[in-house]
N, C-alpha and C. Protein backbone atom coordinates (compact mmCIF):
# COMPACT_ATOMS: atom_id res chain seq x y z
N MET A 1 -102.68 -49.96 -116.64
CA MET A 1 -102.32 -50.24 -118.01
C MET A 1 -101.39 -49.13 -118.52
N ILE A 2 -100.38 -49.52 -119.25
CA ILE A 2 -99.43 -48.56 -119.80
C ILE A 2 -99.88 -48.14 -121.21
N THR A 3 -99.70 -46.87 -121.52
CA THR A 3 -100.09 -46.36 -122.83
C THR A 3 -98.94 -46.50 -123.82
N LYS A 4 -99.25 -46.33 -125.10
CA LYS A 4 -98.19 -46.34 -126.12
C LYS A 4 -97.20 -45.22 -125.87
N ALA A 5 -97.70 -44.05 -125.52
CA ALA A 5 -96.82 -42.90 -125.27
C ALA A 5 -95.89 -43.17 -124.09
N GLN A 6 -96.42 -43.74 -123.01
CA GLN A 6 -95.59 -44.07 -121.86
C GLN A 6 -94.55 -45.13 -122.23
N THR A 7 -94.99 -46.13 -122.99
CA THR A 7 -94.07 -47.18 -123.43
C THR A 7 -92.96 -46.60 -124.27
N LYS A 8 -93.30 -45.70 -125.19
CA LYS A 8 -92.29 -45.09 -126.04
C LYS A 8 -91.30 -44.28 -125.22
N GLU A 9 -91.79 -43.49 -124.29
CA GLU A 9 -90.92 -42.66 -123.44
C GLU A 9 -89.98 -43.52 -122.61
N LEU A 10 -90.52 -44.54 -121.95
CA LEU A 10 -89.69 -45.39 -121.12
C LEU A 10 -88.69 -46.20 -121.95
N THR A 11 -89.11 -46.67 -123.11
CA THR A 11 -88.20 -47.42 -123.98
C THR A 11 -87.09 -46.52 -124.49
N ASN A 12 -87.42 -45.28 -124.85
CA ASN A 12 -86.38 -44.35 -125.28
C ASN A 12 -85.37 -44.07 -124.18
N GLN A 13 -85.83 -44.01 -122.94
CA GLN A 13 -84.91 -43.84 -121.81
C GLN A 13 -83.97 -45.04 -121.70
N LEU A 14 -84.51 -46.24 -121.86
CA LEU A 14 -83.67 -47.44 -121.81
C LEU A 14 -82.67 -47.46 -122.97
N ILE A 15 -83.11 -47.05 -124.14
CA ILE A 15 -82.21 -47.00 -125.30
C ILE A 15 -81.07 -46.02 -125.05
N ASP A 16 -81.40 -44.85 -124.51
CA ASP A 16 -80.36 -43.86 -124.19
C ASP A 16 -79.36 -44.42 -123.19
N ASN A 17 -79.86 -45.09 -122.15
CA ASN A 17 -78.98 -45.69 -121.15
C ASN A 17 -78.11 -46.78 -121.77
N MET A 18 -78.71 -47.59 -122.62
CA MET A 18 -77.98 -48.67 -123.27
C MET A 18 -76.89 -48.11 -124.18
N ALA A 19 -77.20 -47.05 -124.92
CA ALA A 19 -76.20 -46.46 -125.82
C ALA A 19 -75.01 -45.92 -125.03
N LYS A 20 -75.28 -45.27 -123.90
CA LYS A 20 -74.18 -44.78 -123.06
C LYS A 20 -73.30 -45.93 -122.58
N GLU A 21 -73.94 -47.00 -122.12
CA GLU A 21 -73.19 -48.15 -121.63
C GLU A 21 -72.40 -48.82 -122.76
N MET A 22 -72.99 -48.90 -123.95
CA MET A 22 -72.30 -49.51 -125.09
C MET A 22 -71.07 -48.70 -125.48
N ARG A 23 -71.14 -47.38 -125.36
CA ARG A 23 -69.97 -46.56 -125.67
C ARG A 23 -68.84 -46.82 -124.67
N LYS A 24 -69.20 -47.02 -123.41
CA LYS A 24 -68.19 -47.37 -122.41
C LYS A 24 -67.58 -48.74 -122.73
N GLN A 25 -68.44 -49.67 -123.07
CA GLN A 25 -67.98 -51.02 -123.40
C GLN A 25 -67.13 -51.00 -124.67
N LEU A 26 -67.42 -50.12 -125.60
CA LEU A 26 -66.62 -50.00 -126.81
C LEU A 26 -65.18 -49.66 -126.45
N ASP A 27 -65.00 -48.71 -125.57
CA ASP A 27 -63.64 -48.35 -125.15
C ASP A 27 -62.94 -49.56 -124.52
N ARG A 28 -63.67 -50.29 -123.69
CA ARG A 28 -63.08 -51.48 -123.07
C ARG A 28 -62.70 -52.51 -124.13
N ALA A 29 -63.57 -52.71 -125.10
CA ALA A 29 -63.31 -53.69 -126.16
C ALA A 29 -62.08 -53.30 -126.98
N LEU A 30 -61.97 -52.02 -127.30
CA LEU A 30 -60.84 -51.56 -128.12
C LEU A 30 -59.51 -51.65 -127.38
N GLU A 31 -59.54 -51.54 -126.07
CA GLU A 31 -58.33 -51.60 -125.26
C GLU A 31 -58.04 -53.01 -124.72
N SER A 32 -58.94 -53.94 -124.93
CA SER A 32 -58.85 -55.25 -124.30
C SER A 32 -57.81 -56.18 -124.90
N GLY A 33 -57.40 -55.92 -126.13
CA GLY A 33 -56.51 -56.83 -126.81
C GLY A 33 -57.27 -57.90 -127.59
N ALA A 34 -58.59 -57.89 -127.51
CA ALA A 34 -59.42 -58.87 -128.21
C ALA A 34 -59.53 -58.56 -129.70
N VAL A 35 -59.15 -57.36 -130.08
CA VAL A 35 -59.31 -56.92 -131.47
C VAL A 35 -57.94 -56.82 -132.13
N ASP A 36 -57.77 -57.51 -133.24
CA ASP A 36 -56.54 -57.43 -134.02
C ASP A 36 -56.78 -56.50 -135.20
N PHE A 37 -56.47 -55.23 -135.00
CA PHE A 37 -56.76 -54.21 -135.99
C PHE A 37 -56.05 -54.46 -137.33
N ASP A 38 -54.90 -55.12 -137.29
CA ASP A 38 -54.13 -55.36 -138.51
C ASP A 38 -54.82 -56.30 -139.49
N ASN A 39 -55.78 -57.06 -139.03
CA ASN A 39 -56.47 -58.03 -139.89
C ASN A 39 -57.69 -57.46 -140.60
N TYR A 40 -57.95 -56.17 -140.48
CA TYR A 40 -59.16 -55.59 -141.07
C TYR A 40 -58.84 -54.35 -141.89
N GLN A 41 -59.62 -54.16 -142.93
CA GLN A 41 -59.53 -52.98 -143.76
C GLN A 41 -60.31 -51.84 -143.08
N PRO A 42 -60.04 -50.58 -143.50
CA PRO A 42 -60.78 -49.45 -142.91
C PRO A 42 -62.19 -49.34 -143.49
N ASP A 43 -63.00 -50.34 -143.20
CA ASP A 43 -64.40 -50.33 -143.65
C ASP A 43 -65.26 -50.72 -142.44
N TYR A 44 -66.47 -51.14 -142.67
CA TYR A 44 -67.38 -51.43 -141.57
C TYR A 44 -67.34 -52.86 -141.07
N HIS A 45 -66.45 -53.69 -141.60
CA HIS A 45 -66.40 -55.09 -141.18
C HIS A 45 -66.08 -55.22 -139.69
N LEU A 46 -64.99 -54.67 -139.24
CA LEU A 46 -64.63 -54.76 -137.83
C LEU A 46 -65.62 -54.02 -136.93
N PRO A 47 -66.04 -52.81 -137.27
CA PRO A 47 -67.04 -52.16 -136.43
C PRO A 47 -68.33 -52.97 -136.27
N ARG A 48 -68.74 -53.67 -137.33
CA ARG A 48 -69.94 -54.51 -137.23
C ARG A 48 -69.69 -55.69 -136.28
N ILE A 49 -68.50 -56.25 -136.34
CA ILE A 49 -68.15 -57.34 -135.41
C ILE A 49 -68.21 -56.83 -133.97
N ILE A 50 -67.61 -55.68 -133.74
CA ILE A 50 -67.59 -55.11 -132.39
C ILE A 50 -69.01 -54.78 -131.95
N LEU A 51 -69.80 -54.18 -132.82
CA LEU A 51 -71.17 -53.85 -132.48
C LEU A 51 -71.96 -55.12 -132.14
N ASN A 52 -71.73 -56.18 -132.88
CA ASN A 52 -72.40 -57.44 -132.58
C ASN A 52 -72.05 -57.91 -131.18
N GLY A 53 -70.78 -57.82 -130.81
CA GLY A 53 -70.37 -58.18 -129.45
C GLY A 53 -71.02 -57.29 -128.41
N LEU A 54 -71.11 -56.00 -128.69
CA LEU A 54 -71.75 -55.07 -127.76
C LEU A 54 -73.24 -55.38 -127.61
N ILE A 55 -73.89 -55.75 -128.72
CA ILE A 55 -75.31 -56.10 -128.67
C ILE A 55 -75.51 -57.38 -127.86
N GLN A 56 -74.61 -58.35 -128.05
CA GLN A 56 -74.71 -59.58 -127.26
C GLN A 56 -74.57 -59.29 -125.77
N ASP A 57 -73.63 -58.40 -125.44
CA ASP A 57 -73.46 -58.01 -124.04
C ASP A 57 -74.71 -57.31 -123.52
N ALA A 58 -75.29 -56.44 -124.34
CA ALA A 58 -76.51 -55.73 -123.94
C ALA A 58 -77.67 -56.69 -123.74
N MET A 59 -77.74 -57.73 -124.57
CA MET A 59 -78.82 -58.71 -124.41
C MET A 59 -78.73 -59.38 -123.04
N HIS A 60 -77.52 -59.68 -122.59
CA HIS A 60 -77.36 -60.28 -121.27
C HIS A 60 -77.70 -59.27 -120.18
N GLU A 61 -77.29 -58.04 -120.40
CA GLU A 61 -77.53 -56.98 -119.41
C GLU A 61 -79.03 -56.71 -119.24
N TRP A 62 -79.77 -56.76 -120.33
CA TRP A 62 -81.19 -56.40 -120.30
C TRP A 62 -82.10 -57.62 -120.29
N SER A 63 -81.56 -58.80 -120.05
CA SER A 63 -82.40 -60.00 -120.01
C SER A 63 -83.13 -60.09 -118.66
N CYS A 64 -83.75 -61.20 -118.44
CA CYS A 64 -84.55 -61.41 -117.22
C CYS A 64 -83.68 -61.37 -115.98
N PRO A 65 -84.17 -60.72 -114.94
CA PRO A 65 -83.46 -60.78 -113.66
C PRO A 65 -83.43 -62.21 -113.13
N ALA A 66 -82.39 -62.56 -112.44
CA ALA A 66 -82.20 -63.93 -111.94
C ALA A 66 -83.30 -64.34 -110.96
N TYR A 67 -83.89 -63.38 -110.26
CA TYR A 67 -84.89 -63.72 -109.25
C TYR A 67 -86.28 -63.99 -109.85
N TRP A 68 -86.45 -63.76 -111.16
CA TRP A 68 -87.75 -64.06 -111.77
C TRP A 68 -87.98 -65.57 -111.78
N THR A 69 -89.23 -65.94 -111.73
CA THR A 69 -89.58 -67.36 -111.81
C THR A 69 -89.41 -67.83 -113.25
N ASP A 70 -89.37 -69.13 -113.44
CA ASP A 70 -89.27 -69.69 -114.80
C ASP A 70 -90.45 -69.25 -115.65
N LYS A 71 -91.61 -69.17 -115.05
CA LYS A 71 -92.81 -68.73 -115.78
C LYS A 71 -92.67 -67.28 -116.24
N GLU A 72 -92.16 -66.42 -115.36
CA GLU A 72 -91.95 -65.01 -115.72
C GLU A 72 -90.90 -64.88 -116.82
N LYS A 73 -89.84 -65.65 -116.72
CA LYS A 73 -88.79 -65.62 -117.74
C LYS A 73 -89.32 -66.09 -119.08
N ALA A 74 -90.11 -67.14 -119.08
CA ALA A 74 -90.68 -67.66 -120.33
C ALA A 74 -91.62 -66.63 -120.96
N ARG A 75 -92.42 -65.98 -120.14
CA ARG A 75 -93.34 -64.94 -120.65
C ARG A 75 -92.54 -63.78 -121.25
N PHE A 76 -91.50 -63.36 -120.56
CA PHE A 76 -90.63 -62.28 -121.04
C PHE A 76 -90.04 -62.65 -122.40
N ARG A 77 -89.48 -63.86 -122.49
CA ARG A 77 -88.83 -64.29 -123.74
C ARG A 77 -89.83 -64.39 -124.89
N ARG A 78 -91.03 -64.90 -124.61
CA ARG A 78 -92.06 -64.99 -125.65
C ARG A 78 -92.45 -63.60 -126.14
N ALA A 79 -92.64 -62.68 -125.20
CA ALA A 79 -93.04 -61.32 -125.57
C ALA A 79 -91.94 -60.62 -126.36
N ALA A 80 -90.68 -60.77 -125.95
CA ALA A 80 -89.57 -60.15 -126.65
C ALA A 80 -89.43 -60.74 -128.04
N LYS A 81 -89.58 -62.06 -128.16
CA LYS A 81 -89.49 -62.70 -129.47
C LYS A 81 -90.62 -62.23 -130.38
N ASN A 82 -91.80 -62.04 -129.82
CA ASN A 82 -92.92 -61.56 -130.61
C ASN A 82 -92.64 -60.17 -131.17
N VAL A 83 -92.05 -59.30 -130.34
CA VAL A 83 -91.68 -57.97 -130.82
C VAL A 83 -90.65 -58.09 -131.95
N TYR A 84 -89.62 -58.90 -131.73
CA TYR A 84 -88.57 -59.11 -132.72
C TYR A 84 -89.14 -59.59 -134.05
N LEU A 85 -90.06 -60.54 -133.99
CA LEU A 85 -90.62 -61.12 -135.22
C LEU A 85 -91.56 -60.18 -135.94
N ASN A 86 -91.98 -59.12 -135.28
CA ASN A 86 -92.94 -58.20 -135.89
C ASN A 86 -92.36 -56.83 -136.21
N ILE A 87 -91.04 -56.69 -136.18
CA ILE A 87 -90.45 -55.41 -136.57
C ILE A 87 -89.74 -55.57 -137.91
């Protein structure tokens, strides 16, 4: 059985890894040509759009491995949704 402290430590490690990867992806997004900087004011509108895209990419990166069974994937999704609904 995993403890709360172990869960917190391991989750923080994943968050740190995800943040590093998102910063790399940010550079790719800014250089990709997908962003038309001229259409946005210097506020948080465009950064929020980009962050949303980065979060969507992270969701795919951290989703269920392809080799999991349908039952394992369903359990994972239910558990993740439960966490989401309770924060």
